[in-house]
Amino acid sequence: PLGVKGSKNFFTQLSAKEKNIKEGWMVIIRLSEQLGVKEDLIHTAIRHFQQVEESEKLWGKNIEIKAAACLLIATQNSKIPRNMKDMLRETGSYKWKELAN
């Protein structure tokens, strides 16, 4: 059936916003695994990312950068020393101009 997980058409049935949120979640999870981030911080980062996407204030900006920024915010209150440069290095994205816009 259409729209059921595991269905070939599941991902194509999502709206653009839902696709961005799903892609952002995947980026956050991948980065978290690479950086050894704890599960509770991952959930916090995902919540931040959802809020960013739902606000549409950064619509059209690079999803990897937004996801990395949300993970950075989530980890800043923990004892994990991180900065945006480290996060961008992990994503393989060095799009500094996008951060300034």
PDB file of N, CA and C in Angstrom:
ATOM      1  N   PRO A   1       0.821  -1.203   0.000  1.00  0.00           N
ATOM      2  CA  PRO A   1       0.000   0.000   0.000  1.00  0.00           C
ATOM      3  C   PRO A   1       0.857   1.256   0.000  1.00  0.00           C
ATOM      4  N   LEU A   2       0.317   2.305  -0.556  1.00  0.00           N
ATOM      5  CA  LEU A   2       1.049   3.564  -0.608  1.00  0.00           C
ATOM      6  C   LEU A   2       1.187   4.176   0.772  1.00  0.00           C
ATOM      7  N   GLY A   3       2.351   4.770   1.023  1.00  0.00           N
ATOM      8  CA  GLY A   3       2.558   5.469   2.285  1.00  0.00           C
ATOM      9  C   GLY A   3       2.864   4.576   3.469  1.00  0.00           C
ATOM     10  N   VAL A   4       3.083   3.295   3.258  1.00  0.00           N
ATOM     11  CA  VAL A   4       3.390   2.381   4.351  1.00  0.00           C
ATOM     12  C   VAL A   4       4.892   2.173   4.372  1.00  0.00           C
ATOM     13  N   LYS A   5       5.476   2.217   5.575  1.00  0.00           N
ATOM     14  CA  LYS A   5       6.916   1.994   5.694  1.00  0.00           C
ATOM     15  C   LYS A   5       7.267   0.669   5.048  1.00  0.00           C
ATOM     16  N   GLY A   6       8.371   0.674   4.337  1.00  0.00           N
ATOM     17  CA  GLY A   6       8.788  -0.526   3.636  1.00  0.00           C
ATOM     18  C   GLY A   6       8.245  -0.542   2.215  1.00  0.00           C
ATOM     19  N   SER A   7       7.256   0.269   1.935  1.00  0.00           N
ATOM     20  CA  SER A   7       6.701   0.366   0.597  1.00  0.00           C
ATOM     21  C   SER A   7       7.675   1.138  -0.278  1.00  0.00           C
ATOM     22  N   LYS A   8       7.751   0.773  -1.521  1.00  0.00           N
ATOM     23  CA  LYS A   8       8.619   1.441  -2.470  1.00  0.00           C
ATOM     24  C   LYS A   8       8.296   2.931  -2.579  1.00  0.00           C
ATOM     25  N   ASN A   9       7.037   3.280  -2.446  1.00  0.00           N
ATOM     26  CA  ASN A   9       6.585   4.650  -2.644  1.00  0.00           C
ATOM     27  C   ASN A   9       6.530   5.479  -1.368  1.00  0.00           C
ATOM     28  N   PHE A  10       6.941   4.932  -0.233  1.00  0.00           N
ATOM     29  CA  PHE A  10       6.815   5.659   1.033  1.00  0.00           C
ATOM     30  C   PHE A  10       7.525   7.000   0.988  1.00  0.00           C
ATOM     31  N   PHE A  11       8.785   7.006   0.561  1.00  0.00           N
ATOM     32  CA  PHE A  11       9.569   8.236   0.575  1.00  0.00           C
ATOM     33  C   PHE A  11       9.032   9.238  -0.440  1.00  0.00           C
ATOM     34  N   THR A  12       8.517   8.755  -1.573  1.00  0.00           N
ATOM     35  CA  THR A  12       8.015   9.663  -2.598  1.00  0.00           C
ATOM     36  C   THR A  12       6.677  10.281  -2.209  1.00  0.00           C
ATOM     37  N   GLN A  13       5.976   9.709  -1.235  1.00  0.00           N
ATOM     38  CA  GLN A  13       4.687  10.230  -0.802  1.00  0.00           C
ATOM     39  C   GLN A  13       4.819  11.353   0.228  1.00  0.00           C
ATOM     40  N   LEU A  14       6.017  11.613   0.694  1.00  0.00           N
ATOM     41  CA  LEU A  14       6.233  12.644   1.710  1.00  0.00           C
ATOM     42  C   LEU A  14       6.262  14.033   1.072  1.00  0.00           C
ATOM     43  N   SER A  15       5.858  15.045   1.843  1.00  0.00           N
ATOM     44  CA  SER A  15       5.957  16.426   1.372  1.00  0.00           C
ATOM     45  C   SER A  15       7.429  16.847   1.404  1.00  0.00           C
ATOM     46  N   ALA A  16       7.724  17.981   0.792  1.00  0.00           N
ATOM     47  CA  ALA A  16       9.101  18.484   0.769  1.00  0.00           C
ATOM     48  C   ALA A  16       9.617  18.707   2.186  1.00  0.00           C
ATOM     49  N   LYS A  17       8.767  19.252   3.061  1.00  0.00           N
ATOM     50  CA  LYS A  17       9.174  19.504   4.442  1.00  0.00           C
ATOM     51  C   LYS A  17       9.475  18.187   5.161  1.00  0.00           C
ATOM     52  N   GLU A  18       8.613  17.179   4.954  1.00  0.00           N
ATOM     53  CA  GLU A  18       8.812  15.873   5.590  1.00  0.00           C
ATOM     54  C   GLU A  18      10.092  15.206   5.076  1.00  0.00           C
ATOM     55  N   LYS A  19      10.374  15.366   3.785  1.00  0.00           N
ATOM     56  CA  LYS A  19      11.612  14.810   3.219  1.00  0.00           C
ATOM     57  C   LYS A  19      12.832  15.478   3.851  1.00  0.00           C
ATOM     58  N   ASN A  20      12.772  16.811   3.998  1.00  0.00           N
ATOM     59  CA  ASN A  20      13.888  17.535   4.621  1.00  0.00           C
ATOM     60  C   ASN A  20      14.097  17.089   6.058  1.00  0.00           C
ATOM     61  N   ILE A  21      13.002  16.913   6.807  1.00  0.00           N
ATOM     62  CA  ILE A  21      13.108  16.475   8.197  1.00  0.00           C
ATOM     63  C   ILE A  21      13.716  15.080   8.256  1.00  0.00           C
ATOM     64  N   LYS A  22      13.258  14.190   7.391  1.00  0.00           N
ATOM     65  CA  LYS A  22      13.801  12.830   7.373  1.00  0.00           C
ATOM     66  C   LYS A  22      15.290  12.843   7.016  1.00  0.00           C
ATOM     67  N   GLU A  23      15.662  13.647   6.020  1.00  0.00           N
ATOM     68  CA  GLU A  23      17.067  13.743   5.629  1.00  0.00           C
ATOM     69  C   GLU A  23      17.912  14.323   6.771  1.00  0.00           C
ATOM     70  N   GLY A  24      17.373  15.339   7.447  1.00  0.00           N
ATOM     71  CA  GLY A  24      18.079  15.932   8.583  1.00  0.00           C
ATOM     72  C   GLY A  24      18.288  14.932   9.703  1.00  0.00           C
ATOM     73  N   TRP A  25      17.257  14.120   9.974  1.00  0.00           N
ATOM     74  CA  TRP A  25      17.386  13.069  10.997  1.00  0.00           C
ATOM     75  C   TRP A  25      18.514  12.116  10.635  1.00  0.00           C
ATOM     76  N   MET A  26      18.569  11.718   9.365  1.00  0.00           N
ATOM     77  CA  MET A  26      19.611  10.781   8.939  1.00  0.00           C
ATOM     78  C   MET A  26      20.999  11.392   9.091  1.00  0.00           C
ATOM     79  N   VAL A  27      21.121  12.684   8.775  1.00  0.00           N
ATOM     80  CA  VAL A  27      22.410  13.375   8.940  1.00  0.00           C
ATOM     81  C   VAL A  27      22.789  13.425  10.415  1.00  0.00           C
ATOM     82  N   ILE A  28      21.841  13.772  11.283  1.00  0.00           N
ATOM     83  CA  ILE A  28      22.117  13.847  12.725  1.00  0.00           C
ATOM     84  C   ILE A  28      22.538  12.490  13.262  1.00  0.00           C
ATOM     85  N   ILE A  29      21.855  11.443  12.860  1.00  0.00           N
ATOM     86  CA  ILE A  29      22.203  10.096  13.327  1.00  0.00           C
ATOM     87  C   ILE A  29      23.587   9.697  12.830  1.00  0.00           C
ATOM     88  N   ARG A  30      23.887   9.977  11.550  1.00  0.00           N
ATOM     89  CA  ARG A  30      25.200   9.630  11.001  1.00  0.00           C
ATOM     90  C   ARG A  30      26.307  10.389  11.731  1.00  0.00           C
ATOM     91  N   LEU A  31      26.118  11.692  11.919  1.00  0.00           N
ATOM     92  CA  LEU A  31      27.115  12.497  12.633  1.00  0.00           C
ATOM     93  C   LEU A  31      27.285  12.020  14.071  1.00  0.00           C
ATOM     94  N   SER A  32      26.173  11.705  14.713  1.00  0.00           N
ATOM     95  CA  SER A  32      26.213  11.249  16.105  1.00  0.00           C
ATOM     96  C   SER A  32      27.009   9.962  16.240  1.00  0.00           C
ATOM     97  N   GLU A  33      26.832   9.059  15.284  1.00  0.00           N
ATOM     98  CA  GLU A  33      27.592   7.809  15.311  1.00  0.00           C
ATOM     99  C   GLU A  33      29.075   8.079  15.118  1.00  0.00           C
ATOM    100  N   GLN A  34      29.415   8.992  14.207  1.00  0.00           N
ATOM    101  CA  GLN A  34      30.816   9.330  13.949  1.00  0.00           C
ATOM    102  C   GLN A  34      31.466  10.014  15.143  1.00  0.00           C
ATOM    103  N   LEU A  35      30.684  10.821  15.862  1.00  0.00           N
ATOM    104  CA  LEU A  35      31.217  11.610  16.975  1.00  0.00           C
ATOM    105  C   LEU A  35      31.029  10.946  18.337  1.00  0.00           C
ATOM    106  N   GLY A  36      30.275   9.850  18.391  1.00  0.00           N
ATOM    107  CA  GLY A  36      30.039   9.158  19.655  1.00  0.00           C
ATOM    108  C   GLY A  36      29.103   9.922  20.586  1.00  0.00           C
ATOM    109  N   VAL A  37      28.089  10.546  20.028  1.00  0.00           N
ATOM    110  CA  VAL A  37      27.134  11.337  20.811  1.00  0.00           C
ATOM    111  C   VAL A  37      26.109  10.405  21.458  1.00  0.00           C
ATOM    112  N   LYS A  38      25.736  10.717  22.704  1.00  0.00           N
ATOM    113  CA  LYS A  38      24.773   9.899  23.439  1.00  0.00           C
ATOM    114  C   LYS A  38      23.368  10.049  22.870  1.00  0.00           C
ATOM    115  N   GLU A  39      22.550   9.018  23.100  1.00  0.00           N
ATOM    116  CA  GLU A  39      21.199   8.954  22.537  1.00  0.00           C
ATOM    117  C   GLU A  39      20.306  10.118  22.960  1.00  0.00           C
ATOM    118  N   ASP A  40      20.394  10.529  24.217  1.00  0.00           N
ATOM    119  CA  ASP A  40      19.533  11.634  24.668  1.00  0.00           C
ATOM    120  C   ASP A  40      19.861  12.932  23.935  1.00  0.00           C
ATOM    121  N   LEU A  41      21.133  13.137  23.615  1.00  0.00           N
ATOM    122  CA  LEU A  41      21.530  14.331  22.873  1.00  0.00           C
ATOM    123  C   LEU A  41      21.082  14.250  21.418  1.00  0.00           C
ATOM    124  N   ILE A  42      21.040  13.034  20.890  1.00  0.00           N
ATOM    125  CA  ILE A  42      20.545  12.837  19.523  1.00  0.00           C
ATOM    126  C   ILE A  42      19.083  13.253  19.450  1.00  0.00           C
ATOM    127  N   HIS A  43      18.295  12.813  20.431  1.00  0.00           N
ATOM    128  CA  HIS A  43      16.872  13.174  20.458  1.00  0.00           C
ATOM    129  C   HIS A  43      16.689  14.689  20.577  1.00  0.00           C
ATOM    130  N   THR A  44      17.528  15.316  21.384  1.00  0.00           N
ATOM    131  CA  THR A  44      17.466  16.775  21.530  1.00  0.00           C
ATOM    132  C   THR A  44      17.788  17.453  20.203  1.00  0.00           C
ATOM    133  N   ALA A  45      18.819  16.983  19.516  1.00  0.00           N
ATOM    134  CA  ALA A  45      19.203  17.557  18.228  1.00  0.00           C
ATOM    135  C   ALA A  45      18.087  17.391  17.202  1.00  0.00           C
ATOM    136  N   ILE A  46      17.435  16.230  17.204  1.00  0.00           N
ATOM    137  CA  ILE A  46      16.335  15.996  16.271  1.00  0.00           C
ATOM    138  C   ILE A  46      15.169  16.938  16.563  1.00  0.00           C
ATOM    139  N   ARG A  47      14.876  17.154  17.838  1.00  0.00           N
ATOM    140  CA  ARG A  47      13.804  18.103  18.204  1.00  0.00           C
ATOM    141  C   ARG A  47      14.141  19.513  17.707  1.00  0.00           C
ATOM    142  N   HIS A  48      15.403  19.925  17.894  1.00  0.00           N
ATOM    143  CA  HIS A  48      15.834  21.237  17.411  1.00  0.00           C
ATOM    144  C   HIS A  48      15.663  21.322  15.893  1.00  0.00           C
ATOM    145  N   PHE A  49      16.068  20.258  15.197  1.00  0.00           N
ATOM    146  CA  PHE A  49      15.989  20.262  13.738  1.00  0.00           C
ATOM    147  C   PHE A  49      14.536  20.361  13.277  1.00  0.00           C
ATOM    148  N   GLN A  50      13.643  19.624  13.935  1.00  0.00           N
ATOM    149  CA  GLN A  50      12.225  19.698  13.584  1.00  0.00           C
ATOM    150  C   GLN A  50      11.693  21.114  13.764  1.00  0.00           C
ATOM    151  N   GLN A  51      12.086  21.760  14.853  1.00  0.00           N
ATOM    152  CA  GLN A  51      11.638  23.136  15.104  1.00  0.00           C
ATOM    153  C   GLN A  51      12.146  24.082  14.019  1.00  0.00           C
ATOM    154  N   VAL A  52      13.393  23.890  13.611  1.00  0.00           N
ATOM    155  CA  VAL A  52      13.964  24.738  12.559  1.00  0.00           C
ATOM    156  C   VAL A  52      13.197  24.539  11.255  1.00  0.00           C
ATOM    157  N   GLU A  53      12.950  23.294  10.893  1.00  0.00           N
ATOM    158  CA  GLU A  53      12.244  23.016   9.639  1.00  0.00           C
ATOM    159  C   GLU A  53      10.797  23.500   9.680  1.00  0.00           C
ATOM    160  N   GLU A  54      10.144  23.341  10.810  1.00  0.00           N
ATOM    161  CA  GLU A  54       8.748  23.759  10.913  1.00  0.00           C
ATOM    162  C   GLU A  54       8.609  25.281  10.913  1.00  0.00           C
ATOM    163  N   SER A  55       9.629  25.977  11.384  1.00  0.00           N
ATOM    164  CA  SER A  55       9.573  27.442  11.384  1.00  0.00           C
ATOM    165  C   SER A  55       9.779  28.010   9.981  1.00  0.00           C
ATOM    166  N   GLU A  56      10.417  27.258   9.110  1.00  0.00           N
ATOM    167  CA  GLU A  56      10.698  27.636   7.721  1.00  0.00           C
ATOM    168  C   GLU A  56      11.579  28.884   7.596  1.00  0.00           C
ATOM    169  N   LYS A  57      12.204  29.308   8.685  1.00  0.00           N
ATOM    170  CA  LYS A  57      13.064  30.483   8.631  1.00  0.00           C
ATOM    171  C   LYS A  57      14.342  30.226   7.841  1.00  0.00           C
ATOM    172  N   LEU A  58      14.800  28.987   7.832  1.00  0.00           N
ATOM    173  CA  LEU A  58      16.023  28.641   7.107  1.00  0.00           C
ATOM    174  C   LEU A  58      15.722  27.749   5.906  1.00  0.00           C
ATOM    175  N   TRP A  59      14.508  27.871   5.377  1.00  0.00           N
ATOM    176  CA  TRP A  59      14.088  27.053   4.242  1.00  0.00           C
ATOM    177  C   TRP A  59      15.027  27.299   3.061  1.00  0.00           C
ATOM    178  N   GLY A  60      15.495  26.234   2.447  1.00  0.00           N
ATOM    179  CA  GLY A  60      16.379  26.336   1.295  1.00  0.00           C
ATOM    180  C   GLY A  60      17.854  26.310   1.643  1.00  0.00           C
ATOM    181  N   LYS A  61      18.174  26.408   2.921  1.00  0.00           N
ATOM    182  CA  LYS A  61      19.579  26.327   3.344  1.00  0.00           C
ATOM    183  C   LYS A  61      20.019  24.869   3.374  1.00  0.00           C
ATOM    184  N   ASN A  62      21.303  24.649   3.363  1.00  0.00           N
ATOM    185  CA  ASN A  62      21.887  23.309   3.338  1.00  0.00           C
ATOM    186  C   ASN A  62      21.438  22.492   4.552  1.00  0.00           C
ATOM    187  N   ILE A  63      20.845  21.346   4.292  1.00  0.00           N
ATOM    188  CA  ILE A  63      20.307  20.493   5.363  1.00  0.00           C
ATOM    189  C   ILE A  63      21.424  19.967   6.261  1.00  0.00           C
ATOM    190  N   GLU A  64      22.564  19.600   5.684  1.00  0.00           N
ATOM    191  CA  GLU A  64      23.668  19.086   6.503  1.00  0.00           C
ATOM    192  C   GLU A  64      24.160  20.138   7.482  1.00  0.00           C
ATOM    193  N   ILE A  65      24.227  21.382   7.045  1.00  0.00           N
ATOM    194  CA  ILE A  65      24.692  22.448   7.931  1.00  0.00           C
ATOM    195  C   ILE A  65      23.674  22.693   9.043  1.00  0.00           C
ATOM    196  N   LYS A  66      22.387  22.709   8.690  1.00  0.00           N
ATOM    197  CA  LYS A  66      21.346  22.903   9.710  1.00  0.00           C
ATOM    198  C   LYS A  66      21.369  21.748  10.714  1.00  0.00           C
ATOM    199  N   ALA A  67      21.515  20.518  10.226  1.00  0.00           N
ATOM    200  CA  ALA A  67      21.545  19.353  11.112  1.00  0.00           C
ATOM    201  C   ALA A  67      22.775  19.405  12.020  1.00  0.00           C
ATOM    202  N   ALA A  68      23.926  19.770  11.452  1.00  0.00           N
ATOM    203  CA  ALA A  68      25.151  19.874  12.249  1.00  0.00           C
ATOM    204  C   ALA A  68      25.008  20.951  13.317  1.00  0.00           C
ATOM    205  N   ALA A  69      24.386  22.068  12.964  1.00  0.00           N
ATOM    206  CA  ALA A  69      24.182  23.149  13.934  1.00  0.00           C
ATOM    207  C   ALA A  69      23.268  22.688  15.066  1.00  0.00           C
ATOM    208  N   CYS A  70      22.221  21.939  14.731  1.00  0.00           N
ATOM    209  CA  CYS A  70      21.306  21.435  15.766  1.00  0.00           C
ATOM    210  C   CYS A  70      22.012  20.452  16.694  1.00  0.00           C
ATOM    211  N   LEU A  71      22.866  19.611  16.125  1.00  0.00           N
ATOM    212  CA  LEU A  71      23.639  18.673  16.949  1.00  0.00           C
ATOM    213  C   LEU A  71      24.625  19.441  17.826  1.00  0.00           C
ATOM    214  N   LEU A  72      25.235  20.468  17.281  1.00  0.00           N
ATOM    215  CA  LEU A  72      26.163  21.297  18.058  1.00  0.00           C
ATOM    216  C   LEU A  72      25.452  21.936  19.249  1.00  0.00           C
ATOM    217  N   ILE A  73      24.276  22.486  19.013  1.00  0.00           N
ATOM    218  CA  ILE A  73      23.501  23.102  20.095  1.00  0.00           C
ATOM    219  C   ILE A  73      23.166  22.073  21.165  1.00  0.00           C
ATOM    220  N   ALA A  74      22.776  20.876  20.745  1.00  0.00           N
ATOM    221  CA  ALA A  74      22.419  19.815  21.691  1.00  0.00           C
ATOM    222  C   ALA A  74      23.617  19.377  22.531  1.00  0.00           C
ATOM    223  N   THR A  75      24.815  19.400  21.933  1.00  0.00           N
ATOM    224  CA  THR A  75      25.995  18.922  22.664  1.00  0.00           C
ATOM    225  C   THR A  75      26.683  20.008  23.481  1.00  0.00           C
ATOM    226  N   GLN A  76      26.332  21.253  23.266  1.00  0.00           N
ATOM    227  CA  GLN A  76      27.028  22.333  23.982  1.00  0.00           C
ATOM    228  C   GLN A  76      26.830  22.273  25.482  1.00  0.00           C
ATOM    229  N   ASN A  77      25.715  21.755  25.940  1.00  0.00           N
ATOM    230  CA  ASN A  77      25.484  21.660  27.382  1.00  0.00           C
ATOM    231  C   ASN A  77      26.093  20.405  27.986  1.00  0.00           C
ATOM    232  N   SER A  78      26.636  19.546  27.150  1.00  0.00           N
ATOM    233  CA  SER A  78      27.278  18.336  27.658  1.00  0.00           C
ATOM    234  C   SER A  78      28.782  18.586  27.783  1.00  0.00           C
ATOM    235  N   LYS A  79      29.505  17.571  28.133  1.00  0.00           N
ATOM    236  CA  LYS A  79      30.949  17.707  28.312  1.00  0.00           C
ATOM    237  C   LYS A  79      31.707  17.394  27.016  1.00  0.00           C
ATOM    238  N   ILE A  80      30.976  17.293  25.901  1.00  0.00           N
ATOM    239  CA  ILE A  80      31.614  16.975  24.621  1.00  0.00           C
ATOM    240  C   ILE A  80      32.079  18.281  23.980  1.00  0.00           C
ATOM    241  N   PRO A  81      33.379  18.506  23.897  1.00  0.00           N
ATOM    242  CA  PRO A  81      33.861  19.753  23.298  1.00  0.00           C
ATOM    243  C   PRO A  81      33.724  19.696  21.776  1.00  0.00           C
ATOM    244  N   ARG A  82      32.896  20.549  21.231  1.00  0.00           N
ATOM    245  CA  ARG A  82      32.668  20.596  19.788  1.00  0.00           C
ATOM    246  C   ARG A  82      32.527  22.050  19.363  1.00  0.00           C
ATOM    247  N   ASN A  83      32.854  22.289  18.120  1.00  0.00           N
ATOM    248  CA  ASN A  83      32.573  23.585  17.514  1.00  0.00           C
ATOM    249  C   ASN A  83      32.044  23.336  16.109  1.00  0.00           C
ATOM    250  N   MET A  84      31.556  24.384  15.469  1.00  0.00           N
ATOM    251  CA  MET A  84      30.933  24.219  14.161  1.00  0.00           C
ATOM    252  C   MET A  84      31.926  23.708  13.133  1.00  0.00           C
ATOM    253  N   LYS A  85      33.164  24.101  13.245  1.00  0.00           N
ATOM    254  CA  LYS A  85      34.180  23.639  12.298  1.00  0.00           C
ATOM    255  C   LYS A  85      34.322  22.111  12.374  1.00  0.00           C
ATOM    256  N   ASP A  86      34.315  21.556  13.603  1.00  0.00           N
ATOM    257  CA  ASP A  86      34.382  20.099  13.767  1.00  0.00           C
ATOM    258  C   ASP A  86      33.166  19.426  13.142  1.00  0.00           C
ATOM    259  N   MET A  87      31.997  19.997  13.377  1.00  0.00           N
ATOM    260  CA  MET A  87      30.769  19.418  12.837  1.00  0.00           C
ATOM    261  C   MET A  87      30.797  19.426  11.308  1.00  0.00           C
ATOM    262  N   LEU A  88      31.208  20.555  10.727  1.00  0.00           N
ATOM    263  CA  LEU A  88      31.255  20.644   9.272  1.00  0.00           C
ATOM    264  C   LEU A  88      32.307  19.713   8.690  1.00  0.00           C
ATOM    265  N   ARG A  89      33.406  19.541   9.420  1.00  0.00           N
ATOM    266  CA  ARG A  89      34.437  18.611   8.964  1.00  0.00           C
ATOM    267  C   ARG A  89      33.863  17.197   8.900  1.00  0.00           C
ATOM    268  N   GLU A  90      33.050  16.840   9.887  1.00  0.00           N
ATOM    269  CA  GLU A  90      32.433  15.504   9.910  1.00  0.00           C
ATOM    270  C   GLU A  90      31.421  15.322   8.781  1.00  0.00           C
ATOM    271  N   THR A  91      30.723  16.387   8.399  1.00  0.00           N
ATOM    272  CA  THR A  91      29.745  16.267   7.308  1.00  0.00           C
ATOM    273  C   THR A  91      30.444  16.250   5.964  1.00  0.00           C
ATOM    274  N   GLY A  92      31.694  16.713   5.926  1.00  0.00           N
ATOM    275  CA  GLY A  92      32.389  16.824   4.656  1.00  0.00           C
ATOM    276  C   GLY A  92      31.976  18.086   3.909  1.00  0.00           C
ATOM    277  N   SER A  93      31.295  18.982   4.597  1.00  0.00           N
ATOM    278  CA  SER A  93      30.787  20.200   3.982  1.00  0.00           C
ATOM    279  C   SER A  93      31.559  21.402   4.515  1.00  0.00           C
ATOM    280  N   TYR A  94      32.109  22.186   3.620  1.00  0.00           N
ATOM    281  CA  TYR A  94      32.837  23.380   4.021  1.00  0.00           C
ATOM    282  C   TYR A  94      32.206  24.610   3.371  1.00  0.00           C
ATOM    283  N   LYS A  95      30.898  24.702   3.433  1.00  0.00           N
ATOM    284  CA  LYS A  95      30.165  25.773   2.775  1.00  0.00           C
ATOM    285  C   LYS A  95      30.014  26.960   3.736  1.00  0.00           C
ATOM    286  N   TRP A  96      31.124  27.632   4.001  1.00  0.00           N
ATOM    287  CA  TRP A  96      31.129  28.713   4.971  1.00  0.00           C
ATOM    288  C   TRP A  96      30.226  29.854   4.565  1.00  0.00           C
ATOM    289  N   LYS A  97      30.103  30.118   3.255  1.00  0.00           N
ATOM    290  CA  LYS A  97      29.251  31.215   2.787  1.00  0.00           C
ATOM    291  C   LYS A  97      27.808  30.990   3.196  1.00  0.00           C
ATOM    292  N   GLU A  98      27.364  29.733   3.223  1.00  0.00           N
ATOM    293  CA  GLU A  98      25.988  29.442   3.611  1.00  0.00           C
ATOM    294  C   GLU A  98      25.739  29.780   5.066  1.00  0.00           C
ATOM    295  N   LEU A  99      26.755  29.686   5.896  1.00  0.00           N
ATOM    296  CA  LEU A  99      26.581  30.027   7.311  1.00  0.00           C
ATOM    297  C   LEU A  99      26.387  31.529   7.480  1.00  0.00           C
ATOM    298  N   ALA A 100      27.008  32.301   6.638  1.00  0.00           N
ATOM    299  CA  ALA A 100      26.926  33.749   6.747  1.00  0.00           C
ATOM    300  C   ALA A 100      25.604  34.297   6.228  1.00  0.00           C
ATOM    301  N   ASN A 101      24.948  33.553   5.342  1.00  0.00           N
ATOM    302  CA  ASN A 101      23.689  34.046   4.744  1.00  0.00           C
ATOM    303  C   ASN A 101      22.504  33.809   5.628  1.00  0.00           C
TER     304      ASN A 101
END
